[in-house]
PDB file of N, CA and C in Angstrom:
ATOM      1  N   ALA A   1     -39.908  18.340 111.316  1.00  0.00           N
ATOM      2  CA  ALA A   1     -41.096  17.610 110.738  1.00  0.00           C
ATOM      3  C   ALA A   1     -42.625  18.295 111.292  1.00  0.00           C
ATOM      4  N   PHE A   2     -42.565  19.478 112.265  1.00  0.00           N
ATOM      5  CA  PHE A   2     -43.333  19.970 112.995  1.00  0.00           C
ATOM      6  C   PHE A   2     -43.943  21.506 111.566  1.00  0.00           C
ATOM      7  N   GLY A   3     -42.531  21.700 111.414  1.00  0.00           N
ATOM      8  CA  GLY A   3     -42.838  22.655 110.527  1.00  0.00           C
ATOM      9  C   GLY A   3     -43.285  22.237 108.940  1.00  0.00           C
ATOM     10  N   VAL A   4     -43.178  21.250 108.761  1.00  0.00           N
ATOM     11  CA  VAL A   4     -43.797  20.601 107.374  1.00  0.00           C
ATOM     12  C   VAL A   4     -45.340  20.497 107.548  1.00  0.00           C
ATOM     13  N   PHE A   5     -45.877  20.099 108.984  1.00  0.00           N
ATOM     14  CA  PHE A   5     -46.985  19.734 109.322  1.00  0.00           C
ATOM     15  C   PHE A   5     -47.696  21.144 109.571  1.00  0.00           C
ATOM     16  N   VAL A   6     -46.830  22.224 110.113  1.00  0.00           N
ATOM     17  CA  VAL A   6     -47.514  23.395 110.162  1.00  0.00           C
ATOM     18  C   VAL A   6     -47.758  24.300 108.789  1.00  0.00           C
ATOM     19  N   ASP A   7     -47.072  23.761 107.920  1.00  0.00           N
ATOM     20  CA  ASP A   7     -47.164  24.365 106.801  1.00  0.00           C
ATOM     21  C   ASP A   7     -47.962  23.882 105.698  1.00  0.00           C
ATOM     22  N   ALA A   8     -48.394  22.135 105.989  1.00  0.00           N
ATOM     23  CA  ALA A   8     -49.050  21.760 105.186  1.00  0.00           C
ATOM     24  C   ALA A   8     -50.532  21.666 105.615  1.00  0.00           C
ATOM     25  N   PHE A   9     -50.841  21.688 106.954  1.00  0.00           N
ATOM     26  CA  PHE A   9     -52.059  22.059 107.762  1.00  0.00           C
ATOM     27  C   PHE A   9     -52.757  23.512 107.852  1.00  0.00           C
ATOM     28  N   VAL A  10     -51.890  24.126 108.717  1.00  0.00           N
ATOM     29  CA  VAL A  10     -52.311  25.261 109.155  1.00  0.00           C
ATOM     30  C   VAL A  10     -52.571  26.460 107.829  1.00  0.00           C
ATOM     31  N   VAL A  11     -51.527  26.654 107.168  1.00  0.00           N
ATOM     32  CA  VAL A  11     -51.273  27.319 106.002  1.00  0.00           C
ATOM     33  C   VAL A  11     -52.020  27.185 104.615  1.00  0.00           C
ATOM     34  N   ARG A  12     -51.802  25.737 103.974  1.00  0.00           N
ATOM     35  CA  ARG A  12     -52.251  25.191 102.651  1.00  0.00           C
ATOM     36  C   ARG A  12     -53.886  24.689 103.281  1.00  0.00           C
ATOM     37  N   MET A  13     -54.079  24.057 104.395  1.00  0.00           N
ATOM     38  CA  MET A  13     -55.717  23.307 104.309  1.00  0.00           C
ATOM     39  C   MET A  13     -56.769  24.376 105.302  1.00  0.00           C
ATOM     40  N   THR A  14     -55.993  25.695 105.724  1.00  0.00           N
ATOM     41  CA  THR A  14     -56.702  26.486 106.747  1.00  0.00           C
ATOM     42  C   THR A  14     -56.924  27.842 106.129  1.00  0.00           C
ATOM     43  N   LEU A  15     -55.557  28.457 105.968  1.00  0.00           N
ATOM     44  CA  LEU A  15     -55.643  29.741 105.704  1.00  0.00           C
ATOM     45  C   LEU A  15     -56.241  29.975 104.345  1.00  0.00           C
ATOM     46  N   VAL A  16     -55.690  29.498 103.276  1.00  0.00           N
ATOM     47  CA  VAL A  16     -55.605  29.526 101.948  1.00  0.00           C
ATOM     48  C   VAL A  16     -56.856  29.538 101.715  1.00  0.00           C
ATOM     49  N   PRO A  17     -57.808  28.162 101.809  1.00  0.00           N
ATOM     50  CA  PRO A  17     -59.234  28.375 101.220  1.00  0.00           C
ATOM     51  C   PRO A  17     -59.859  29.510 102.273  1.00  0.00           C
ATOM     52  N   ALA A  18     -59.591  29.957 103.349  1.00  0.00           N
ATOM     53  CA  ALA A  18     -60.152  31.102 103.944  1.00  0.00           C
ATOM     54  C   ALA A  18     -60.009  32.285 103.221  1.00  0.00           C
ATOM     55  N   VAL A  19     -59.075  32.380 103.111  1.00  0.00           N
ATOM     56  CA  VAL A  19     -58.702  33.772 102.161  1.00  0.00           C
ATOM     57  C   VAL A  19     -59.405  34.025 100.690  1.00  0.00           C
ATOM     58  N   MET A  20     -59.461  32.656 100.317  1.00  0.00           N
ATOM     59  CA  MET A  20     -60.320  32.513  99.189  1.00  0.00           C
ATOM     60  C   MET A  20     -61.861  32.779  99.272  1.00  0.00           C
ATOM     61  N   ALA A  21     -62.258  31.872 100.329  1.00  0.00           N
ATOM     62  CA  ALA A  21     -63.586  32.637 100.712  1.00  0.00           C
ATOM     63  C   ALA A  21     -64.106  33.945 100.843  1.00  0.00           C
ATOM     64  N   LEU A  22     -63.171  34.511 101.269  1.00  0.00           N
ATOM     65  CA  LEU A  22     -63.192  35.946 102.091  1.00  0.00           C
ATOM     66  C   LEU A  22     -63.106  36.513 100.615  1.00  0.00           C
ATOM     67  N   LEU A  23     -62.261  36.456  99.595  1.00  0.00           N
ATOM     68  CA  LEU A  23     -62.216  37.312  98.359  1.00  0.00           C
ATOM     69  C   LEU A  23     -63.285  37.155  97.451  1.00  0.00           C
ATOM     70  N   GLY A  24     -63.923  35.959  97.688  1.00  0.00           N
ATOM     71  CA  GLY A  24     -64.678  35.515  96.189  1.00  0.00           C
ATOM     72  C   GLY A  24     -64.278  35.444  95.003  1.00  0.00           C
ATOM     73  N   ARG A  25     -65.029  36.071  94.196  1.00  0.00           N
ATOM     74  CA  ARG A  25     -64.894  36.174  93.084  1.00  0.00           C
ATOM     75  C   ARG A  25     -63.277  36.914  92.441  1.00  0.00           C
ATOM     76  N   ARG A  26     -63.187  37.847  93.314  1.00  0.00           N
ATOM     77  CA  ARG A  26     -61.867  38.923  93.433  1.00  0.00           C
ATOM     78  C   ARG A  26     -60.725  37.914  93.653  1.00  0.00           C
ATOM     79  N   ALA A  27     -60.726  37.100  93.870  1.00  0.00           N
ATOM     80  CA  ALA A  27     -59.478  36.013  94.127  1.00  0.00           C
ATOM     81  C   ALA A  27     -58.984  35.631  92.968  1.00  0.00           C
ATOM     82  N   TRP A  28     -59.796  35.535  91.943  1.00  0.00           N
ATOM     83  CA  TRP A  28     -59.512  34.719  90.718  1.00  0.00           C
ATOM     84  C   TRP A  28     -59.331  36.200  89.337  1.00  0.00           C
ATOM     85  N   GLY A  29     -59.740  36.988  89.613  1.00  0.00           N
ATOM     86  CA  GLY A  29     -59.033  38.205  89.088  1.00  0.00           C
ATOM     87  C   GLY A  29     -57.619  38.767  88.757  1.00  0.00           C
ATOM     88  N   LEU A  30     -57.591  39.461  87.297  1.00  0.00           N
ATOM     89  CA  LEU A  30     -56.217  39.549  87.088  1.00  0.00           C
ATOM     90  C   LEU A  30     -56.060  41.325  87.227  1.00  0.00           C
ATOM     91  N   PRO A  31     -55.184  41.621  87.994  1.00  0.00           N
ATOM     92  CA  PRO A  31     -55.314  43.319  87.998  1.00  0.00           C
ATOM     93  C   PRO A  31     -54.734  43.603  86.394  1.00  0.00           C
ATOM     94  N   ALA A  32     -55.562  45.213  85.811  1.00  0.00           N
ATOM     95  CA  ALA A  32     -55.014  45.620  84.929  1.00  0.00           C
ATOM     96  C   ALA A  32     -53.777  45.744  84.309  1.00  0.00           C
ATOM     97  N   TRP A  33     -52.685  45.962  85.717  1.00  0.00           N
ATOM     98  CA  TRP A  33     -51.715  46.302  85.273  1.00  0.00           C
ATOM     99  C   TRP A  33     -50.431  45.058  84.925  1.00  0.00           C
ATOM    100  N   LEU A  34     -51.284  44.367  85.695  1.00  0.00           N
ATOM    101  CA  LEU A  34     -50.710  42.802  85.337  1.00  0.00           C
ATOM    102  C   LEU A  34     -51.210  42.177  83.974  1.00  0.00           C
ATOM    103  N   ASP A  35     -52.216  42.322  83.621  1.00  0.00           N
ATOM    104  CA  ASP A  35     -52.800  42.008  82.357  1.00  0.00           C
ATOM    105  C   ASP A  35     -51.684  42.469  81.131  1.00  0.00           C
ATOM    106  N   ARG A  36     -51.623  44.328  81.395  1.00  0.00           N
ATOM    107  CA  ARG A  36     -50.944  44.663  80.264  1.00  0.00           C
ATOM    108  C   ARG A  36     -49.156  43.795  80.392  1.00  0.00           C
ATOM    109  N   VAL A  37     -48.879  43.509  81.420  1.00  0.00           N
ATOM    110  CA  VAL A  37     -47.380  43.234  81.533  1.00  0.00           C
ATOM    111  C   VAL A  37     -46.948  41.681  80.736  1.00  0.00           C
ATOM    112  N   THR A  38     -48.141  40.413  81.028  1.00  0.00           N
ATOM    113  CA  THR A  38     -48.037  39.382  80.799  1.00  0.00           C
ATOM    114  C   THR A  38     -48.455  38.995  79.306  1.00  0.00           C
ATOM    115  N   PRO A  39     -47.857  38.359  78.561  1.00  0.00           N
ATOM    116  CA  PRO A  39     -47.904  38.141  77.259  1.00  0.00           C
ATOM    117  C   PRO A  39     -49.414  37.510  76.987  1.00  0.00           C
ATOM    118  N   ASP A  40     -50.037  37.604  76.091  1.00  0.00           N
ATOM    119  CA  ASP A  40     -50.924  36.777  75.410  1.00  0.00           C
ATOM    120  C   ASP A  40     -50.800  35.240  75.082  1.00  0.00           C
ATOM    121  N   VAL A  41     -50.925  34.664  75.575  1.00  0.00           N
ATOM    122  CA  VAL A  41     -50.673  33.001  75.205  1.00  0.00           C
ATOM    123  C   VAL A  41     -51.964  32.503  74.821  1.00  0.00           C
ATOM    124  N   ASP A  42     -51.666  31.825  73.902  1.00  0.00           N
ATOM    125  CA  ASP A  42     -53.027  31.493  73.168  1.00  0.00           C
ATOM    126  C   ASP A  42     -52.832  29.725  72.804  1.00  0.00           C
ATOM    127  N   ILE A  43     -53.467  29.165  73.877  1.00  0.00           N
ATOM    128  CA  ILE A  43     -53.137  27.669  74.144  1.00  0.00           C
ATOM    129  C   ILE A  43     -53.897  27.129  73.260  1.00  0.00           C
ATOM    130  N   GLU A  44     -55.429  27.448  73.118  1.00  0.00           N
ATOM    131  CA  GLU A  44     -56.539  26.902  72.399  1.00  0.00           C
ATOM    132  C   GLU A  44     -55.669  27.122  70.676  1.00  0.00           C
ATOM    133  N   GLY A  45     -55.276  27.706  70.312  1.00  0.00           N
ATOM    134  CA  GLY A  45     -54.542  28.299  69.123  1.00  0.00           C
ATOM    135  C   GLY A  45     -55.689  28.739  68.122  1.00  0.00           C
ATOM    136  N   ALA A  46     -56.838  29.521  68.677  1.00  0.00           N
ATOM    137  CA  ALA A  46     -57.514  30.455  68.060  1.00  0.00           C
ATOM    138  C   ALA A  46     -56.844  31.717  67.205  1.00  0.00           C
ATOM    139  N   LYS A  47     -55.697  31.856  67.577  1.00  0.00           N
ATOM    140  CA  LYS A  47     -55.427  33.074  67.101  1.00  0.00           C
ATOM    141  C   LYS A  47     -54.102  32.608  65.828  1.00  0.00           C
ATOM    142  N   LEU A  48     -53.738  31.566  65.912  1.00  0.00           N
ATOM    143  CA  LEU A  48     -53.158  30.349  64.855  1.00  0.00           C
ATOM    144  C   LEU A  48     -53.583  31.193  63.210  1.00  0.00           C
ATOM    145  N   PRO A  49     -54.670  31.106  62.828  1.00  0.00           N
ATOM    146  CA  PRO A  49     -54.921  31.225  61.389  1.00  0.00           C
ATOM    147  C   PRO A  49     -54.818  32.554  61.258  1.00  0.00           C
ATOM    148  N   ALA A  50     -54.454  33.808  61.681  1.00  0.00           N
ATOM    149  CA  ALA A  50     -54.287  34.959  61.794  1.00  0.00           C
ATOM    150  C   ALA A  50     -52.701  35.233  61.696  1.00  0.00           C
ATOM    151  N   ARG A  51     -52.067  34.217  62.138  1.00  0.00           N
ATOM    152  CA  ARG A  51     -50.456  34.378  62.299  1.00  0.00           C
ATOM    153  C   ARG A  51     -49.969  34.108  60.887  1.00  0.00           C
ATOM    154  N   THR A  52     -50.803  32.804  60.452  1.00  0.00           N
ATOM    155  CA  THR A  52     -49.963  31.942  59.260  1.00  0.00           C
ATOM    156  C   THR A  52     -49.885  32.823  58.320  1.00  0.00           C
ATOM    157  N   LYS A  53     -49.266  32.646  57.191  1.00  0.00           N
ATOM    158  CA  LYS A  53     -49.523  33.434  56.042  1.00  0.00           C
ATOM    159  C   LYS A  53     -49.986  32.443  54.941  1.00  0.00           C
ATOM    160  N   PRO A  54     -50.751  33.430  53.847  1.00  0.00           N
ATOM    161  CA  PRO A  54     -51.370  32.893  53.568  1.00  0.00           C
ATOM    162  C   PRO A  54     -50.478  31.769  52.310  1.00  0.00           C
ATOM    163  N   GLU A  55     -51.252  31.077  51.426  1.00  0.00           N
ATOM    164  CA  GLU A  55     -50.589  30.064  50.442  1.00  0.00           C
ATOM    165  C   GLU A  55     -50.039  30.550  49.713  1.00  0.00           C
ATOM    166  N   ALA A  56     -49.958  31.687  48.757  1.00  0.00           N
ATOM    167  CA  ALA A  56     -49.264  32.234  47.789  1.00  0.00           C
ATOM    168  C   ALA A  56     -48.205  32.539  48.284  1.00  0.00           C
ATOM    169  N   GLU A  57     -48.283  33.384  49.876  1.00  0.00           N
ATOM    170  CA  GLU A  57     -47.013  34.164  50.036  1.00  0.00           C
ATOM    171  C   GLU A  57     -45.877  32.754  50.520  1.00  0.00           C
ATOM    172  N   ASN A  58     -46.571  31.730  50.967  1.00  0.00           N
ATOM    173  CA  ASN A  58     -45.528  30.634  51.215  1.00  0.00           C
ATOM    174  C   ASN A  58     -44.737  30.173  50.111  1.00  0.00           C
ATOM    175  N   ARG A  59     -45.806  30.307  48.882  1.00  0.00           N
ATOM    176  CA  ARG A  59     -44.731  29.585  47.512  1.00  0.00           C
ATOM    177  C   ARG A  59     -44.129  30.519  47.262  1.00  0.00           C
ATOM    178  N   ALA A  60     -44.311  31.792  47.260  1.00  0.00           N
ATOM    179  CA  ALA A  60     -43.577  32.779  46.650  1.00  0.00           C
ATOM    180  C   ALA A  60     -41.937  32.619  47.472  1.00  0.00           C
ATOM    181  N   GLU A  61     -42.131  32.717  48.794  1.00  0.00           N
ATOM    182  CA  GLU A  61     -40.955  32.425  49.526  1.00  0.00           C
ATOM    183  C   GLU A  61     -40.108  31.236  49.137  1.00  0.00           C
ATOM    184  N   HIS A  62     -40.902  30.164  48.958  1.00  0.00           N
ATOM    185  CA  HIS A  62     -39.783  28.997  48.404  1.00  0.00           C
ATOM    186  C   HIS A  62     -39.463  28.455  47.169  1.00  0.00           C
ATOM    187  N   GLU A  63     -39.975  29.505  46.148  1.00  0.00           N
ATOM    188  CA  GLU A  63     -39.446  29.628  44.849  1.00  0.00           C
ATOM    189  C   GLU A  63     -37.717  30.594  45.196  1.00  0.00           C
ATOM    190  N   VAL A  64     -38.373  31.678  45.942  1.00  0.00           N
ATOM    191  CA  VAL A  64     -37.138  32.425  46.041  1.00  0.00           C
ATOM    192  C   VAL A  64     -35.851  31.859  46.696  1.00  0.00           C
ATOM    193  N   ALA A  65     -36.051  30.787  47.564  1.00  0.00           N
ATOM    194  CA  ALA A  65     -35.329  30.130  48.334  1.00  0.00           C
ATOM    195  C   ALA A  65     -34.679  28.882  47.190  1.00  0.00           C
ATOM    196  N   ALA A  66     -35.414  28.445  46.373  1.00  0.00           N
ATOM    197  CA  ALA A  66     -35.247  27.294  45.428  1.00  0.00           C
ATOM    198  C   ALA A  66     -34.175  27.776  44.456  1.00  0.00           C
ATOM    199  N   ARG A  67     -34.012  29.021  44.054  1.00  0.00           N
ATOM    200  CA  ARG A  67     -33.317  29.657  42.918  1.00  0.00           C
ATOM    201  C   ARG A  67     -31.974  29.812  43.295  1.00  0.00           C
TER     202      ARG A  67
END
């Protein structure tokens, strides 16, 4: 029980906010090397129209599949 108290109070409620305050805006930055490694996740769907095929290509594929 004491270990849970130390983790919850000392670490999560004291040390983490203090380190975040010391780092300021740098705490929220993503290093360039990590940005290159991680995938480009598009949550909002802004890149979705660029990925979809034009309607003519879709129809041509369906016609070939129907034959």
